[in-house]
N, C-alpha and C. Protein backbone atom coordinates (compact mmCIF):
# COMPACT_ATOMS: atom_id res chain seq x y z
N MET A 1 2.20 -21.91 -17.45
CA MET A 1 1.51 -21.71 -16.19
C MET A 1 1.35 -20.22 -15.92
N THR A 2 0.19 -19.82 -15.47
CA THR A 2 -0.09 -18.42 -15.17
C THR A 2 0.29 -18.14 -13.72
N SER A 3 0.99 -17.02 -13.49
CA SER A 3 1.36 -16.67 -12.13
C SER A 3 0.15 -16.11 -11.39
N THR A 4 0.12 -16.34 -10.07
CA THR A 4 -0.95 -15.84 -9.23
C THR A 4 -0.37 -15.24 -7.96
N VAL A 5 -1.07 -14.29 -7.38
CA VAL A 5 -0.62 -13.63 -6.16
C VAL A 5 -0.64 -14.64 -5.01
N LYS A 6 0.44 -14.65 -4.23
CA LYS A 6 0.56 -15.60 -3.12
C LYS A 6 0.83 -14.93 -1.77
N GLN A 7 1.48 -13.78 -1.76
CA GLN A 7 1.92 -13.21 -0.49
C GLN A 7 2.16 -11.72 -0.63
N ILE A 8 2.05 -11.00 0.50
CA ILE A 8 2.44 -9.59 0.53
C ILE A 8 3.36 -9.35 1.73
N ARG A 9 4.12 -8.28 1.64
CA ARG A 9 4.91 -7.78 2.77
C ARG A 9 4.73 -6.28 2.85
N ILE A 10 4.74 -5.76 4.06
CA ILE A 10 4.63 -4.32 4.30
C ILE A 10 5.88 -3.87 5.05
N HIS A 11 6.45 -2.75 4.62
CA HIS A 11 7.60 -2.15 5.31
C HIS A 11 7.27 -0.68 5.54
N CYS A 12 7.59 -0.17 6.71
CA CYS A 12 7.37 1.25 7.02
C CYS A 12 8.67 1.87 7.50
N PHE A 13 8.90 3.10 7.10
CA PHE A 13 10.08 3.81 7.57
C PHE A 13 9.78 5.30 7.56
N ASP A 14 10.62 6.06 8.22
CA ASP A 14 10.46 7.51 8.25
C ASP A 14 11.83 8.16 8.27
N TYR A 15 11.86 9.43 7.90
CA TYR A 15 13.10 10.19 7.94
C TYR A 15 12.77 11.67 8.05
N PRO A 16 13.67 12.47 8.60
CA PRO A 16 13.42 13.90 8.72
C PRO A 16 13.57 14.59 7.37
N ARG A 17 12.74 15.58 7.14
CA ARG A 17 12.89 16.41 5.93
C ARG A 17 14.07 17.35 6.13
N ASP A 18 14.62 17.85 5.03
CA ASP A 18 15.72 18.80 5.17
C ASP A 18 15.22 20.19 5.56
N ARG A 19 13.89 20.38 5.45
CA ARG A 19 13.27 21.64 5.89
C ARG A 19 11.80 21.36 6.17
N ILE A 20 11.17 22.25 6.91
CA ILE A 20 9.74 22.11 7.18
C ILE A 20 8.97 22.53 5.93
N ILE A 21 7.97 21.73 5.55
CA ILE A 21 7.10 22.12 4.45
C ILE A 21 5.69 22.30 4.99
N GLY A 22 4.88 23.06 4.29
CA GLY A 22 3.51 23.25 4.72
C GLY A 22 2.97 24.60 4.30
N ASP A 23 1.88 24.97 4.94
CA ASP A 23 1.25 26.26 4.68
C ASP A 23 0.64 26.75 5.99
N SER A 24 -0.35 27.62 5.92
CA SER A 24 -0.94 28.16 7.14
C SER A 24 -1.77 27.13 7.91
N GLN A 25 -2.09 26.00 7.30
CA GLN A 25 -2.92 24.98 7.93
C GLN A 25 -2.14 23.81 8.50
N ILE A 26 -1.08 23.39 7.82
CA ILE A 26 -0.30 22.23 8.28
C ILE A 26 1.18 22.47 8.06
N SER A 27 1.99 21.74 8.77
CA SER A 27 3.43 21.74 8.51
C SER A 27 3.96 20.34 8.81
N SER A 28 5.05 20.01 8.16
CA SER A 28 5.61 18.67 8.33
C SER A 28 7.13 18.77 8.29
N SER A 29 7.78 18.16 9.28
CA SER A 29 9.24 18.13 9.33
C SER A 29 9.77 16.70 9.15
N LYS A 30 8.86 15.77 8.92
CA LYS A 30 9.25 14.37 8.80
C LYS A 30 8.44 13.71 7.67
N VAL A 31 8.97 12.64 7.10
CA VAL A 31 8.29 11.87 6.05
C VAL A 31 8.05 10.46 6.58
N TRP A 32 6.82 9.97 6.42
CA TRP A 32 6.47 8.60 6.79
C TRP A 32 6.08 7.86 5.53
N ILE A 33 6.83 6.82 5.22
CA ILE A 33 6.66 6.08 3.96
C ILE A 33 6.37 4.61 4.28
N GLY A 34 5.51 4.02 3.47
CA GLY A 34 5.27 2.58 3.55
C GLY A 34 5.50 1.97 2.18
N ALA A 35 5.94 0.74 2.16
CA ALA A 35 6.15 0.00 0.92
C ALA A 35 5.35 -1.29 0.99
N LEU A 36 4.68 -1.61 -0.09
CA LEU A 36 3.90 -2.85 -0.22
C LEU A 36 4.57 -3.70 -1.29
N GLU A 37 5.00 -4.90 -0.92
CA GLU A 37 5.55 -5.86 -1.87
C GLU A 37 4.51 -6.95 -2.09
N ILE A 38 4.27 -7.29 -3.35
CA ILE A 38 3.37 -8.38 -3.71
C ILE A 38 4.19 -9.44 -4.42
N PHE A 39 4.06 -10.69 -3.98
CA PHE A 39 4.81 -11.80 -4.55
C PHE A 39 3.86 -12.76 -5.24
N ASP A 40 4.29 -13.28 -6.40
CA ASP A 40 3.44 -14.24 -7.11
C ASP A 40 4.03 -15.64 -7.05
N SER A 41 3.31 -16.57 -7.62
CA SER A 41 3.68 -17.98 -7.57
C SER A 41 4.93 -18.31 -8.38
N GLU A 42 5.35 -17.40 -9.24
CA GLU A 42 6.54 -17.62 -10.07
C GLU A 42 7.79 -16.99 -9.46
N GLY A 43 7.66 -16.40 -8.26
CA GLY A 43 8.80 -15.78 -7.60
C GLY A 43 9.03 -14.33 -7.97
N MET A 44 8.15 -13.78 -8.80
CA MET A 44 8.26 -12.37 -9.17
C MET A 44 7.65 -11.51 -8.06
N SER A 45 8.06 -10.24 -8.01
CA SER A 45 7.49 -9.34 -7.02
C SER A 45 7.23 -7.98 -7.63
N GLY A 46 6.29 -7.27 -7.02
CA GLY A 46 5.98 -5.90 -7.41
C GLY A 46 6.07 -5.03 -6.18
N LEU A 47 6.30 -3.75 -6.37
CA LEU A 47 6.51 -2.84 -5.26
C LEU A 47 5.69 -1.57 -5.45
N GLY A 48 4.98 -1.17 -4.41
CA GLY A 48 4.23 0.08 -4.42
C GLY A 48 4.52 0.85 -3.14
N PHE A 49 4.22 2.14 -3.15
CA PHE A 49 4.51 2.99 -2.00
C PHE A 49 3.27 3.75 -1.56
N PHE A 50 3.24 4.11 -0.28
CA PHE A 50 2.20 4.98 0.26
C PHE A 50 2.87 5.85 1.32
N GLN A 51 2.24 6.98 1.65
CA GLN A 51 2.86 7.88 2.62
C GLN A 51 1.82 8.64 3.42
N SER A 52 2.29 9.18 4.51
CA SER A 52 1.49 10.09 5.32
C SER A 52 2.25 11.41 5.40
N LEU A 53 1.57 12.49 5.15
CA LEU A 53 2.23 13.80 5.15
C LEU A 53 2.27 14.46 6.51
N THR A 54 1.31 14.15 7.38
CA THR A 54 1.19 14.93 8.61
C THR A 54 1.28 14.13 9.90
N SER A 55 1.25 12.82 9.84
CA SER A 55 1.31 12.04 11.07
C SER A 55 1.94 10.68 10.79
N PRO A 56 2.49 10.03 11.82
CA PRO A 56 3.13 8.73 11.61
C PRO A 56 2.14 7.68 11.10
N LEU A 57 2.65 6.76 10.31
CA LEU A 57 1.86 5.61 9.88
C LEU A 57 1.70 4.64 11.05
N PRO A 58 0.66 3.83 11.03
CA PRO A 58 0.59 2.74 12.00
C PRO A 58 1.78 1.79 11.78
N SER A 59 1.99 0.88 12.68
CA SER A 59 3.09 -0.07 12.52
C SER A 59 2.87 -0.93 11.27
N ALA A 60 3.96 -1.46 10.74
CA ALA A 60 3.86 -2.33 9.56
C ALA A 60 2.99 -3.55 9.86
N SER A 61 3.08 -4.09 11.07
CA SER A 61 2.27 -5.26 11.41
C SER A 61 0.78 -4.91 11.47
N SER A 62 0.45 -3.70 11.93
CA SER A 62 -0.96 -3.28 11.95
C SER A 62 -1.50 -3.09 10.54
N ILE A 63 -0.71 -2.47 9.67
CA ILE A 63 -1.14 -2.28 8.28
C ILE A 63 -1.28 -3.64 7.60
N LYS A 64 -0.32 -4.55 7.83
CA LYS A 64 -0.40 -5.88 7.22
C LYS A 64 -1.64 -6.62 7.68
N SER A 65 -1.97 -6.54 8.96
CA SER A 65 -3.18 -7.20 9.48
C SER A 65 -4.42 -6.66 8.78
N LEU A 66 -4.48 -5.35 8.59
CA LEU A 66 -5.62 -4.74 7.92
C LEU A 66 -5.70 -5.18 6.45
N VAL A 67 -4.57 -5.17 5.76
CA VAL A 67 -4.55 -5.60 4.36
C VAL A 67 -4.89 -7.09 4.26
N ASP A 68 -4.34 -7.89 5.17
CA ASP A 68 -4.66 -9.33 5.18
C ASP A 68 -6.16 -9.56 5.34
N TYR A 69 -6.79 -8.78 6.18
CA TYR A 69 -8.22 -8.94 6.45
C TYR A 69 -9.10 -8.37 5.34
N MET A 70 -8.76 -7.17 4.86
CA MET A 70 -9.66 -6.47 3.93
C MET A 70 -9.36 -6.71 2.45
N CYS A 71 -8.11 -6.95 2.10
CA CYS A 71 -7.74 -6.99 0.68
C CYS A 71 -7.22 -8.34 0.21
N LEU A 72 -6.39 -8.98 1.02
CA LEU A 72 -5.70 -10.18 0.56
C LEU A 72 -6.63 -11.31 0.12
N PRO A 73 -7.75 -11.57 0.80
CA PRO A 73 -8.61 -12.67 0.33
C PRO A 73 -9.06 -12.50 -1.13
N ALA A 74 -9.26 -11.28 -1.56
CA ALA A 74 -9.68 -11.04 -2.95
C ALA A 74 -8.50 -11.00 -3.92
N MET A 75 -7.27 -10.99 -3.40
CA MET A 75 -6.08 -10.96 -4.25
C MET A 75 -5.46 -12.33 -4.46
N ILE A 76 -5.51 -13.17 -3.43
CA ILE A 76 -4.84 -14.47 -3.48
C ILE A 76 -5.37 -15.30 -4.66
N ASP A 77 -4.46 -15.91 -5.37
CA ASP A 77 -4.73 -16.78 -6.51
C ASP A 77 -5.30 -16.06 -7.74
N ARG A 78 -5.24 -14.73 -7.74
CA ARG A 78 -5.60 -13.98 -8.95
C ARG A 78 -4.32 -13.61 -9.67
N THR A 79 -4.41 -13.41 -10.97
CA THR A 79 -3.23 -12.99 -11.71
C THR A 79 -2.93 -11.54 -11.34
N PRO A 80 -1.63 -11.18 -11.20
CA PRO A 80 -1.29 -9.81 -10.86
C PRO A 80 -1.88 -8.79 -11.84
N GLU A 81 -1.94 -9.15 -13.12
CA GLU A 81 -2.46 -8.23 -14.13
C GLU A 81 -3.94 -7.90 -13.91
N SER A 82 -4.68 -8.83 -13.34
CA SER A 82 -6.11 -8.59 -13.13
C SER A 82 -6.37 -7.57 -12.03
N LEU A 83 -5.39 -7.31 -11.18
CA LEU A 83 -5.58 -6.39 -10.06
C LEU A 83 -5.49 -4.93 -10.49
N ILE A 84 -4.86 -4.66 -11.61
CA ILE A 84 -4.67 -3.27 -12.04
C ILE A 84 -6.01 -2.57 -12.26
N HIS A 85 -7.03 -3.31 -12.63
CA HIS A 85 -8.33 -2.71 -12.90
C HIS A 85 -9.20 -2.58 -11.66
N GLN A 86 -8.64 -2.87 -10.50
CA GLN A 86 -9.37 -2.74 -9.25
C GLN A 86 -9.32 -1.33 -8.67
N VAL A 87 -8.58 -0.43 -9.31
CA VAL A 87 -8.48 0.94 -8.82
C VAL A 87 -9.76 1.68 -9.16
N VAL A 88 -10.38 2.26 -8.16
CA VAL A 88 -11.55 3.10 -8.37
C VAL A 88 -11.20 4.50 -7.87
N ARG A 89 -11.86 5.49 -8.38
CA ARG A 89 -11.52 6.86 -8.04
C ARG A 89 -12.70 7.66 -7.52
N PRO A 90 -13.25 7.30 -6.37
CA PRO A 90 -14.30 8.15 -5.83
C PRO A 90 -13.70 9.48 -5.38
N ARG A 91 -14.33 10.56 -5.77
CA ARG A 91 -13.90 11.91 -5.38
C ARG A 91 -12.49 12.24 -5.85
N GLY A 92 -11.99 11.55 -6.87
CA GLY A 92 -10.72 11.93 -7.47
C GLY A 92 -9.47 11.28 -6.90
N GLY A 93 -9.53 10.65 -5.73
CA GLY A 93 -8.33 10.04 -5.17
C GLY A 93 -8.19 8.60 -5.60
N ASN A 94 -6.97 8.11 -5.64
CA ASN A 94 -6.74 6.70 -5.96
C ASN A 94 -7.04 5.86 -4.73
N ILE A 95 -8.09 5.08 -4.79
CA ILE A 95 -8.48 4.20 -3.70
C ILE A 95 -8.50 2.79 -4.26
N PHE A 96 -7.79 1.87 -3.63
CA PHE A 96 -7.80 0.49 -4.08
C PHE A 96 -8.94 -0.23 -3.38
N PHE A 97 -9.78 -0.85 -4.16
CA PHE A 97 -10.95 -1.54 -3.62
C PHE A 97 -10.91 -2.99 -4.05
N PHE A 98 -10.80 -3.87 -3.09
CA PHE A 98 -10.81 -5.30 -3.36
C PHE A 98 -12.01 -5.89 -2.64
N PRO A 99 -13.13 -6.03 -3.33
CA PRO A 99 -14.29 -6.60 -2.65
C PRO A 99 -14.04 -8.04 -2.27
N THR A 100 -14.43 -8.41 -1.06
CA THR A 100 -14.28 -9.80 -0.66
C THR A 100 -15.39 -10.61 -1.30
N ILE A 101 -15.02 -11.74 -1.82
CA ILE A 101 -15.98 -12.58 -2.55
C ILE A 101 -16.28 -13.82 -1.74
């Protein structure tokens, strides 16, 4: 049986940096991190991270609602391996694009 994506979870947390980092344009004394867990039908999970350098992340429930609306419909019941090729790189940044079908 082939495993398929069934569920995601989002976790957000923050912590103070040990020093301020930045340059003449920005500075940051705190780190805002998010974690995305993807679960498949076989009970396996994968973990990815995202962060904000200069401002707090939205709440985990807000991010989950957005992912549920924009990304999850195109992920559910697909094999996890098939999602790796969904990364597109407009203008050089890693942007995940899951077109709704």
